[in-house]
Amino acid sequence: MDLLENAETKTVTATFELPGMKQQDVNIEVNGNCLTISGESKRSENHDKGGYTVQERSYGKFSRTLQIPQGMKAEDVHARMKNGLLTTGEGVVASA
């Protein structure tokens, strides 16, 4: 996770790298002054090499909770997911 605070525009932006994940696999919740990003990665790959089949599987849940800066409202939090990057911004609409 990369966290960037811009004092000039008074915004905070968090960027999460989520390779191979789709938007519908990620949950974003705001409860009080906390922003929680969570989800579950389910990845399976099959390769045929020299008469053998190789299967690789990767599964796992994740969750990260951040405190929303004082003075910001829950409705000021926005998110966008593009090419495996989830970008959240507090105060303005963030983009990847």
PDB file of N, CA and C in Angstrom:
ATOM      1  N   MET A   1       0.840  -1.165   0.000  1.00  0.00           N
ATOM      2  CA  MET A   1       0.000   0.000   0.000  1.00  0.00           C
ATOM      3  C   MET A   1       0.894   1.241   0.000  1.00  0.00           C
ATOM      4  N   ASP A   2       0.548   2.188  -0.847  1.00  0.00           N
ATOM      5  CA  ASP A   2       1.210   3.488  -0.862  1.00  0.00           C
ATOM      6  C   ASP A   2       0.223   4.506  -0.330  1.00  0.00           C
ATOM      7  N   LEU A   3       0.674   5.347   0.590  1.00  0.00           N
ATOM      8  CA  LEU A   3      -0.174   6.364   1.195  1.00  0.00           C
ATOM      9  C   LEU A   3       0.459   7.720   0.940  1.00  0.00           C
ATOM     10  N   LEU A   4      -0.306   8.632   0.354  1.00  0.00           N
ATOM     11  CA  LEU A   4       0.206   9.952  -0.004  1.00  0.00           C
ATOM     12  C   LEU A   4      -0.724  11.027   0.540  1.00  0.00           C
ATOM     13  N   GLU A   5      -0.161  11.953   1.303  1.00  0.00           N
ATOM     14  CA  GLU A   5      -0.925  13.086   1.807  1.00  0.00           C
ATOM     15  C   GLU A   5      -0.459  14.329   1.076  1.00  0.00           C
ATOM     16  N   ASN A   6      -1.400  15.067   0.501  1.00  0.00           N
ATOM     17  CA  ASN A   6      -1.089  16.295  -0.222  1.00  0.00           C
ATOM     18  C   ASN A   6      -1.620  17.466   0.599  1.00  0.00           C
ATOM     19  N   ALA A   7      -0.707  18.164   1.266  1.00  0.00           N
ATOM     20  CA  ALA A   7      -1.095  19.276   2.133  1.00  0.00           C
ATOM     21  C   ALA A   7      -1.685  20.432   1.332  1.00  0.00           C
ATOM     22  N   GLU A   8      -1.228  20.605   0.097  1.00  0.00           N
ATOM     23  CA  GLU A   8      -1.709  21.705  -0.738  1.00  0.00           C
ATOM     24  C   GLU A   8      -3.188  21.554  -1.083  1.00  0.00           C
ATOM     25  N   THR A   9      -3.579  20.341  -1.491  1.00  0.00           N
ATOM     26  CA  THR A   9      -4.983  20.108  -1.853  1.00  0.00           C
ATOM     27  C   THR A   9      -5.793  19.533  -0.691  1.00  0.00           C
ATOM     28  N   LYS A  10      -5.119  19.270   0.427  1.00  0.00           N
ATOM     29  CA  LYS A  10      -5.747  18.717   1.627  1.00  0.00           C
ATOM     30  C   LYS A  10      -6.456  17.400   1.335  1.00  0.00           C
ATOM     31  N   THR A  11      -5.750  16.510   0.629  1.00  0.00           N
ATOM     32  CA  THR A  11      -6.293  15.195   0.301  1.00  0.00           C
ATOM     33  C   THR A  11      -5.323  14.108   0.748  1.00  0.00           C
ATOM     34  N   VAL A  12      -5.858  12.906   0.939  1.00  0.00           N
ATOM     35  CA  VAL A  12      -5.067  11.724   1.255  1.00  0.00           C
ATOM     36  C   VAL A  12      -5.451  10.661   0.239  1.00  0.00           C
ATOM     37  N   THR A  13      -4.437  10.011  -0.364  1.00  0.00           N
ATOM     38  CA  THR A  13      -4.695   8.976  -1.360  1.00  0.00           C
ATOM     39  C   THR A  13      -3.950   7.700  -0.962  1.00  0.00           C
ATOM     40  N   ALA A  14      -4.650   6.576  -0.979  1.00  0.00           N
ATOM     41  CA  ALA A  14      -4.048   5.268  -0.715  1.00  0.00           C
ATOM     42  C   ALA A  14      -4.188   4.429  -1.971  1.00  0.00           C
ATOM     43  N   THR A  15      -3.088   3.788  -2.385  1.00  0.00           N
ATOM     44  CA  THR A  15      -3.104   2.935  -3.566  1.00  0.00           C
ATOM     45  C   THR A  15      -2.708   1.519  -3.154  1.00  0.00           C
ATOM     46  N   PHE A  16      -3.515   0.545  -3.536  1.00  0.00           N
ATOM     47  CA  PHE A  16      -3.283  -0.858  -3.217  1.00  0.00           C
ATOM     48  C   PHE A  16      -3.020  -1.629  -4.504  1.00  0.00           C
ATOM     49  N   GLU A  17      -1.964  -2.438  -4.533  1.00  0.00           N
ATOM     50  CA  GLU A  17      -1.692  -3.304  -5.677  1.00  0.00           C
ATOM     51  C   GLU A  17      -2.420  -4.624  -5.451  1.00  0.00           C
ATOM     52  N   LEU A  18      -3.341  -4.947  -6.344  1.00  0.00           N
ATOM     53  CA  LEU A  18      -4.149  -6.164  -6.237  1.00  0.00           C
ATOM     54  C   LEU A  18      -4.109  -6.913  -7.567  1.00  0.00           C
ATOM     55  N   PRO A  19      -2.935  -7.452  -7.951  1.00  0.00           N
ATOM     56  CA  PRO A  19      -2.807  -8.092  -9.268  1.00  0.00           C
ATOM     57  C   PRO A  19      -3.747  -9.279  -9.430  1.00  0.00           C
ATOM     58  N   GLY A  20      -4.384  -9.321 -10.580  1.00  0.00           N
ATOM     59  CA  GLY A  20      -5.270 -10.430 -10.918  1.00  0.00           C
ATOM     60  C   GLY A  20      -6.647 -10.358 -10.272  1.00  0.00           C
ATOM     61  N   MET A  21      -6.886  -9.366  -9.435  1.00  0.00           N
ATOM     62  CA  MET A  21      -8.190  -9.264  -8.783  1.00  0.00           C
ATOM     63  C   MET A  21      -9.121  -8.376  -9.586  1.00  0.00           C
ATOM     64  N   LYS A  22     -10.393  -8.705  -9.503  1.00  0.00           N
ATOM     65  CA  LYS A  22     -11.421  -7.930 -10.181  1.00  0.00           C
ATOM     66  C   LYS A  22     -12.122  -7.044  -9.160  1.00  0.00           C
ATOM     67  N   GLN A  23     -12.750  -6.014  -9.653  1.00  0.00           N
ATOM     68  CA  GLN A  23     -13.435  -5.052  -8.784  1.00  0.00           C
ATOM     69  C   GLN A  23     -14.455  -5.738  -7.877  1.00  0.00           C
ATOM     70  N   GLN A  24     -15.174  -6.729  -8.400  1.00  0.00           N
ATOM     71  CA  GLN A  24     -16.205  -7.390  -7.609  1.00  0.00           C
ATOM     72  C   GLN A  24     -15.624  -8.282  -6.507  1.00  0.00           C
ATOM     73  N   ASP A  25     -14.286  -8.529  -6.511  1.00  0.00           N
ATOM     74  CA  ASP A  25     -13.640  -9.329  -5.476  1.00  0.00           C
ATOM     75  C   ASP A  25     -13.143  -8.486  -4.303  1.00  0.00           C
ATOM     76  N   VAL A  26     -13.320  -7.160  -4.380  1.00  0.00           N
ATOM     77  CA  VAL A  26     -12.812  -6.245  -3.362  1.00  0.00           C
ATOM     78  C   VAL A  26     -13.972  -5.542  -2.667  1.00  0.00           C
ATOM     79  N   ASN A  27     -13.934  -5.505  -1.342  1.00  0.00           N
ATOM     80  CA  ASN A  27     -14.960  -4.827  -0.543  1.00  0.00           C
ATOM     81  C   ASN A  27     -14.365  -3.551   0.043  1.00  0.00           C
ATOM     82  N   ILE A  28     -15.113  -2.465  -0.029  1.00  0.00           N
ATOM     83  CA  ILE A  28     -14.699  -1.195   0.541  1.00  0.00           C
ATOM     84  C   ILE A  28     -15.810  -0.746   1.482  1.00  0.00           C
ATOM     85  N   GLU A  29     -15.460  -0.542   2.755  1.00  0.00           N
ATOM     86  CA  GLU A  29     -16.447  -0.140   3.750  1.00  0.00           C
ATOM     87  C   GLU A  29     -15.940   1.055   4.536  1.00  0.00           C
ATOM     88  N   VAL A  30     -16.841   1.960   4.850  1.00  0.00           N
ATOM     89  CA  VAL A  30     -16.536   3.083   5.729  1.00  0.00           C
ATOM     90  C   VAL A  30     -17.446   2.952   6.937  1.00  0.00           C
ATOM     91  N   ASN A  31     -16.842   2.802   8.114  1.00  0.00           N
ATOM     92  CA  ASN A  31     -17.584   2.718   9.370  1.00  0.00           C
ATOM     93  C   ASN A  31     -17.001   3.757  10.321  1.00  0.00           C
ATOM     94  N   GLY A  32     -17.795   4.765  10.637  1.00  0.00           N
ATOM     95  CA  GLY A  32     -17.294   5.830  11.496  1.00  0.00           C
ATOM     96  C   GLY A  32     -16.149   6.554  10.820  1.00  0.00           C
ATOM     97  N   ASN A  33     -14.994   6.542  11.465  1.00  0.00           N
ATOM     98  CA  ASN A  33     -13.830   7.203  10.874  1.00  0.00           C
ATOM     99  C   ASN A  33     -12.806   6.194  10.356  1.00  0.00           C
ATOM    100  N   CYS A  34     -13.263   4.980  10.031  1.00  0.00           N
ATOM    101  CA  CYS A  34     -12.365   3.934   9.523  1.00  0.00           C
ATOM    102  C   CYS A  34     -12.764   3.493   8.115  1.00  0.00           C
ATOM    103  N   LEU A  35     -11.766   3.339   7.257  1.00  0.00           N
ATOM    104  CA  LEU A  35     -11.941   2.829   5.896  1.00  0.00           C
ATOM    105  C   LEU A  35     -11.315   1.447   5.857  1.00  0.00           C
ATOM    106  N   THR A  36     -12.093   0.432   5.500  1.00  0.00           N
ATOM    107  CA  THR A  36     -11.593  -0.937   5.442  1.00  0.00           C
ATOM    108  C   THR A  36     -11.656  -1.449   4.013  1.00  0.00           C
ATOM    109  N   ILE A  37     -10.516  -1.945   3.533  1.00  0.00           N
ATOM    110  CA  ILE A  37     -10.403  -2.582   2.220  1.00  0.00           C
ATOM    111  C   ILE A  37     -10.171  -4.064   2.495  1.00  0.00           C
ATOM    112  N   SER A  38     -11.016  -4.934   1.931  1.00  0.00           N
ATOM    113  CA  SER A  38     -10.856  -6.366   2.154  1.00  0.00           C
ATOM    114  C   SER A  38     -11.239  -7.125   0.896  1.00  0.00           C
ATOM    115  N   GLY A  39     -10.867  -8.387   0.871  1.00  0.00           N
ATOM    116  CA  GLY A  39     -11.206  -9.220  -0.274  1.00  0.00           C
ATOM    117  C   GLY A  39     -10.583 -10.586  -0.163  1.00  0.00           C
ATOM    118  N   GLU A  40     -10.780 -11.368  -1.220  1.00  0.00           N
ATOM    119  CA  GLU A  40     -10.229 -12.718  -1.261  1.00  0.00           C
ATOM    120  C   GLU A  40      -9.693 -12.981  -2.659  1.00  0.00           C
ATOM    121  N   SER A  41      -8.454 -13.417  -2.689  1.00  0.00           N
ATOM    122  CA  SER A  41      -7.800 -13.738  -3.957  1.00  0.00           C
ATOM    123  C   SER A  41      -7.952 -15.231  -4.231  1.00  0.00           C
ATOM    124  N   LYS A  42      -8.433 -15.553  -5.420  1.00  0.00           N
ATOM    125  CA  LYS A  42      -8.589 -16.947  -5.845  1.00  0.00           C
ATOM    126  C   LYS A  42      -8.001 -17.043  -7.237  1.00  0.00           C
ATOM    127  N   ARG A  43      -6.811 -17.595  -7.338  1.00  0.00           N
ATOM    128  CA  ARG A  43      -6.153 -17.666  -8.637  1.00  0.00           C
ATOM    129  C   ARG A  43      -5.686 -19.088  -8.902  1.00  0.00           C
ATOM    130  N   SER A  44      -5.935 -19.563 -10.105  1.00  0.00           N
ATOM    131  CA  SER A  44      -5.525 -20.897 -10.499  1.00  0.00           C
ATOM    132  C   SER A  44      -4.995 -20.851 -11.930  1.00  0.00           C
ATOM    133  N   GLU A  45      -3.825 -21.435 -12.135  1.00  0.00           N
ATOM    134  CA  GLU A  45      -3.217 -21.460 -13.469  1.00  0.00           C
ATOM    135  C   GLU A  45      -2.815 -22.891 -13.822  1.00  0.00           C
ATOM    136  N   ASN A  46      -3.029 -23.255 -15.067  1.00  0.00           N
ATOM    137  CA  ASN A  46      -2.630 -24.561 -15.575  1.00  0.00           C
ATOM    138  C   ASN A  46      -1.670 -24.388 -16.738  1.00  0.00           C
ATOM    139  N   HIS A  47      -0.576 -25.151 -16.733  1.00  0.00           N
ATOM    140  CA  HIS A  47       0.405 -25.104 -17.813  1.00  0.00           C
ATOM    141  C   HIS A  47       0.748 -26.530 -18.232  1.00  0.00           C
ATOM    142  N   ASP A  48       0.851 -26.751 -19.526  1.00  0.00           N
ATOM    143  CA  ASP A  48       1.312 -28.038 -20.042  1.00  0.00           C
ATOM    144  C   ASP A  48       2.751 -27.882 -20.494  1.00  0.00           C
ATOM    145  N   LYS A  49       3.664 -28.683 -19.882  1.00  0.00           N
ATOM    146  CA  LYS A  49       5.081 -28.613 -20.227  1.00  0.00           C
ATOM    147  C   LYS A  49       5.618 -30.024 -20.390  1.00  0.00           C
ATOM    148  N   GLY A  50       6.119 -30.305 -21.555  1.00  0.00           N
ATOM    149  CA  GLY A  50       6.786 -31.578 -21.805  1.00  0.00           C
ATOM    150  C   GLY A  50       5.995 -32.805 -21.376  1.00  0.00           C
ATOM    151  N   GLY A  51       4.707 -32.815 -21.629  1.00  0.00           N
ATOM    152  CA  GLY A  51       3.891 -33.967 -21.265  1.00  0.00           C
ATOM    153  C   GLY A  51       3.370 -33.929 -19.838  1.00  0.00           C
ATOM    154  N   TYR A  52       3.729 -32.921 -19.080  1.00  0.00           N
ATOM    155  CA  TYR A  52       3.263 -32.774 -17.708  1.00  0.00           C
ATOM    156  C   TYR A  52       2.317 -31.581 -17.609  1.00  0.00           C
ATOM    157  N   THR A  53       1.366 -31.716 -16.745  1.00  0.00           N
ATOM    158  CA  THR A  53       0.479 -30.585 -16.465  1.00  0.00           C
ATOM    159  C   THR A  53       0.856 -30.010 -15.111  1.00  0.00           C
ATOM    160  N   VAL A  54       1.128 -28.726 -15.101  1.00  0.00           N
ATOM    161  CA  VAL A  54       1.484 -28.028 -13.870  1.00  0.00           C
ATOM    162  C   VAL A  54       0.306 -27.148 -13.472  1.00  0.00           C
ATOM    163  N   GLN A  55      -0.157 -27.306 -12.241  1.00  0.00           N
ATOM    164  CA  GLN A  55      -1.259 -26.502 -11.731  1.00  0.00           C
ATOM    165  C   GLN A  55      -0.761 -25.687 -10.543  1.00  0.00           C
ATOM    166  N   GLU A  56      -0.964 -24.388 -10.619  1.00  0.00           N
ATOM    167  CA  GLU A  56      -0.585 -23.506  -9.521  1.00  0.00           C
ATOM    168  C   GLU A  56      -1.834 -22.817  -9.008  1.00  0.00           C
ATOM    169  N   ARG A  57      -2.007 -22.842  -7.696  1.00  0.00           N
ATOM    170  CA  ARG A  57      -3.174 -22.215  -7.089  1.00  0.00           C
ATOM    171  C   ARG A  57      -2.722 -21.275  -5.978  1.00  0.00           C
ATOM    172  N   SER A  58      -3.411 -20.149  -5.878  1.00  0.00           N
ATOM    173  CA  SER A  58      -3.106 -19.161  -4.855  1.00  0.00           C
ATOM    174  C   SER A  58      -4.419 -18.643  -4.289  1.00  0.00           C
ATOM    175  N   TYR A  59      -4.594 -18.782  -2.981  1.00  0.00           N
ATOM    176  CA  TYR A  59      -5.811 -18.342  -2.324  1.00  0.00           C
ATOM    177  C   TYR A  59      -5.432 -17.553  -1.073  1.00  0.00           C
ATOM    178  N   GLY A  60      -6.207 -16.581  -0.745  1.00  0.00           N
ATOM    179  CA  GLY A  60      -5.949 -15.866   0.496  1.00  0.00           C
ATOM    180  C   GLY A  60      -6.870 -14.683   0.691  1.00  0.00           C
ATOM    181  N   LYS A  61      -7.186 -14.434   1.948  1.00  0.00           N
ATOM    182  CA  LYS A  61      -8.003 -13.280   2.314  1.00  0.00           C
ATOM    183  C   LYS A  61      -7.081 -12.171   2.800  1.00  0.00           C
ATOM    184  N   PHE A  62      -7.534 -10.931   2.635  1.00  0.00           N
ATOM    185  CA  PHE A  62      -6.778  -9.806   3.137  1.00  0.00           C
ATOM    186  C   PHE A  62      -7.742  -8.747   3.652  1.00  0.00           C
ATOM    187  N   SER A  63      -7.247  -7.922   4.550  1.00  0.00           N
ATOM    188  CA  SER A  63      -8.031  -6.825   5.090  1.00  0.00           C
ATOM    189  C   SER A  63      -7.067  -5.763   5.606  1.00  0.00           C
ATOM    190  N   ARG A  64      -7.365  -4.519   5.300  1.00  0.00           N
ATOM    191  CA  ARG A  64      -6.541  -3.395   5.758  1.00  0.00           C
ATOM    192  C   ARG A  64      -7.481  -2.278   6.174  1.00  0.00           C
ATOM    193  N   THR A  65      -7.305  -1.766   7.395  1.00  0.00           N
ATOM    194  CA  THR A  65      -8.145  -0.694   7.906  1.00  0.00           C
ATOM    195  C   THR A  65      -7.305   0.559   8.118  1.00  0.00           C
ATOM    196  N   LEU A  66      -7.788   1.672   7.595  1.00  0.00           N
ATOM    197  CA  LEU A  66      -7.116   2.958   7.721  1.00  0.00           C
ATOM    198  C   LEU A  66      -8.044   3.930   8.432  1.00  0.00           C
ATOM    199  N   GLN A  67      -7.465   4.802   9.216  1.00  0.00           N
ATOM    200  CA  GLN A  67      -8.256   5.836   9.878  1.00  0.00           C
ATOM    201  C   GLN A  67      -8.426   7.006   8.917  1.00  0.00           C
ATOM    202  N   ILE A  68      -9.668   7.450   8.758  1.00  0.00           N
ATOM    203  CA  ILE A  68      -9.949   8.606   7.906  1.00  0.00           C
ATOM    204  C   ILE A  68      -9.486   9.852   8.658  1.00  0.00           C
ATOM    205  N   PRO A  69      -8.756  10.743   7.993  1.00  0.00           N
ATOM    206  CA  PRO A  69      -8.254  11.943   8.666  1.00  0.00           C
ATOM    207  C   PRO A  69      -9.376  12.750   9.316  1.00  0.00           C
ATOM    208  N   GLN A  70      -9.060  13.338  10.446  1.00  0.00           N
ATOM    209  CA  GLN A  70     -10.024  14.147  11.182  1.00  0.00           C
ATOM    210  C   GLN A  70     -10.523  15.294  10.311  1.00  0.00           C
ATOM    211  N   GLY A  71     -11.824  15.536  10.358  1.00  0.00           N
ATOM    212  CA  GLY A  71     -12.422  16.610   9.571  1.00  0.00           C
ATOM    213  C   GLY A  71     -12.961  16.154   8.227  1.00  0.00           C
ATOM    214  N   MET A  72     -12.654  14.911   7.804  1.00  0.00           N
ATOM    215  CA  MET A  72     -13.177  14.389   6.536  1.00  0.00           C
ATOM    216  C   MET A  72     -14.416  13.544   6.829  1.00  0.00           C
ATOM    217  N   LYS A  73     -15.357  13.575   5.920  1.00  0.00           N
ATOM    218  CA  LYS A  73     -16.602  12.839   6.079  1.00  0.00           C
ATOM    219  C   LYS A  73     -16.562  11.563   5.242  1.00  0.00           C
ATOM    220  N   ALA A  74     -17.367  10.577   5.652  1.00  0.00           N
ATOM    221  CA  ALA A  74     -17.429   9.306   4.918  1.00  0.00           C
ATOM    222  C   ALA A  74     -17.821   9.519   3.464  1.00  0.00           C
ATOM    223  N   GLU A  75     -18.704  10.482   3.193  1.00  0.00           N
ATOM    224  CA  GLU A  75     -19.133  10.725   1.807  1.00  0.00           C
ATOM    225  C   GLU A  75     -18.035  11.370   0.962  1.00  0.00           C
ATOM    226  N   ASP A  76     -16.934  11.791   1.598  1.00  0.00           N
ATOM    227  CA  ASP A  76     -15.795  12.354   0.866  1.00  0.00           C
ATOM    228  C   ASP A  76     -14.822  11.277   0.382  1.00  0.00           C
ATOM    229  N   VAL A  77     -15.064  10.021   0.760  1.00  0.00           N
ATOM    230  CA  VAL A  77     -14.175   8.925   0.376  1.00  0.00           C
ATOM    231  C   VAL A  77     -14.646   8.342  -0.953  1.00  0.00           C
ATOM    232  N   HIS A  78     -13.715   8.245  -1.919  1.00  0.00           N
ATOM    233  CA  HIS A  78     -14.024   7.703  -3.243  1.00  0.00           C
ATOM    234  C   HIS A  78     -12.986   6.649  -3.593  1.00  0.00           C
ATOM    235  N   ALA A  79     -13.345   5.714  -4.487  1.00  0.00           N
ATOM    236  CA  ALA A  79     -12.417   4.652  -4.886  1.00  0.00           C
ATOM    237  C   ALA A  79     -12.573   4.354  -6.368  1.00  0.00           C
ATOM    238  N   ARG A  80     -11.468   3.888  -6.957  1.00  0.00           N
ATOM    239  CA  ARG A  80     -11.464   3.480  -8.361  1.00  0.00           C
ATOM    240  C   ARG A  80     -10.484   2.325  -8.508  1.00  0.00           C
ATOM    241  N   MET A  81     -10.871   1.310  -9.287  1.00  0.00           N
ATOM    242  CA  MET A  81      -9.985   0.174  -9.539  1.00  0.00           C
ATOM    243  C   MET A  81      -9.721   0.086 -11.029  1.00  0.00           C
ATOM    244  N   LYS A  82      -8.438   0.014 -11.391  1.00  0.00           N
ATOM    245  CA  LYS A  82      -8.052  -0.066 -12.795  1.00  0.00           C
ATOM    246  C   LYS A  82      -6.751  -0.849 -12.898  1.00  0.00           C
ATOM    247  N   ASN A  83      -6.741  -1.877 -13.745  1.00  0.00           N
ATOM    248  CA  ASN A  83      -5.541  -2.678 -14.007  1.00  0.00           C
ATOM    249  C   ASN A  83      -4.879  -3.206 -12.739  1.00  0.00           C
ATOM    250  N   GLY A  84      -5.681  -3.700 -11.794  1.00  0.00           N
ATOM    251  CA  GLY A  84      -5.134  -4.280 -10.575  1.00  0.00           C
ATOM    252  C   GLY A  84      -4.682  -3.278  -9.537  1.00  0.00           C
ATOM    253  N   LEU A  85      -4.946  -1.987  -9.754  1.00  0.00           N
ATOM    254  CA  LEU A  85      -4.612  -0.963  -8.763  1.00  0.00           C
ATOM    255  C   LEU A  85      -5.901  -0.374  -8.209  1.00  0.00           C
ATOM    256  N   LEU A  86      -6.057  -0.436  -6.900  1.00  0.00           N
ATOM    257  CA  LEU A  86      -7.190   0.178  -6.236  1.00  0.00           C
ATOM    258  C   LEU A  86      -6.692   1.472  -5.619  1.00  0.00           C
ATOM    259  N   THR A  87      -7.307   2.581  -5.998  1.00  0.00           N
ATOM    260  CA  THR A  87      -6.919   3.885  -5.473  1.00  0.00           C
ATOM    261  C   THR A  87      -8.101   4.470  -4.719  1.00  0.00           C
ATOM    262  N   THR A  88      -7.864   4.827  -3.462  1.00  0.00           N
ATOM    263  CA  THR A  88      -8.897   5.477  -2.665  1.00  0.00           C
ATOM    264  C   THR A  88      -8.428   6.886  -2.347  1.00  0.00           C
ATOM    265  N   GLY A  89      -9.346   7.804  -2.342  1.00  0.00           N
ATOM    266  CA  GLY A  89      -8.999   9.175  -2.022  1.00  0.00           C
ATOM    267  C   GLY A  89     -10.002   9.751  -1.054  1.00  0.00           C
ATOM    268  N   GLU A  90      -9.502  10.529  -0.134  1.00  0.00           N
ATOM    269  CA  GLU A  90     -10.373  11.211   0.818  1.00  0.00           C
ATOM    270  C   GLU A  90     -10.320  12.690   0.535  1.00  0.00           C
ATOM    271  N   GLY A  91     -11.455  13.264   0.218  1.00  0.00           N
ATOM    272  CA  GLY A  91     -11.535  14.689  -0.033  1.00  0.00           C
ATOM    273  C   GLY A  91     -11.786  15.011  -1.485  1.00  0.00           C
ATOM    274  N   VAL A  92     -11.268  14.195  -2.407  1.00  0.00           N
ATOM    275  CA  VAL A  92     -11.499  14.382  -3.829  1.00  0.00           C
ATOM    276  C   VAL A  92     -11.619  13.007  -4.467  1.00  0.00           C
ATOM    277  N   VAL A  93     -12.138  12.967  -5.695  1.00  0.00           N
ATOM    278  CA  VAL A  93     -12.200  11.706  -6.423  1.00  0.00           C
ATOM    279  C   VAL A  93     -10.803  11.372  -6.887  1.00  0.00           C
ATOM    280  N   ALA A  94     -10.321  10.173  -6.531  1.00  0.00           N
ATOM    281  CA  ALA A  94      -8.974   9.744  -6.924  1.00  0.00           C
ATOM    282  C   ALA A  94      -9.061   8.872  -8.166  1.00  0.00           C
ATOM    283  N   SER A  95      -7.992   8.826  -8.932  1.00  0.00           N
ATOM    284  CA  SER A  95      -7.968   7.958 -10.114  1.00  0.00           C
ATOM    285  C   SER A  95      -6.629   7.265 -10.216  1.00  0.00           C
ATOM    286  N   ALA A  96      -6.626   6.101 -10.876  1.00  0.00           N
ATOM    287  CA  ALA A  96      -5.398   5.323 -11.031  1.00  0.00           C
ATOM    288  C   ALA A  96      -4.689   5.673 -12.310  1.00  0.00           C
TER     289      ALA A  96
END
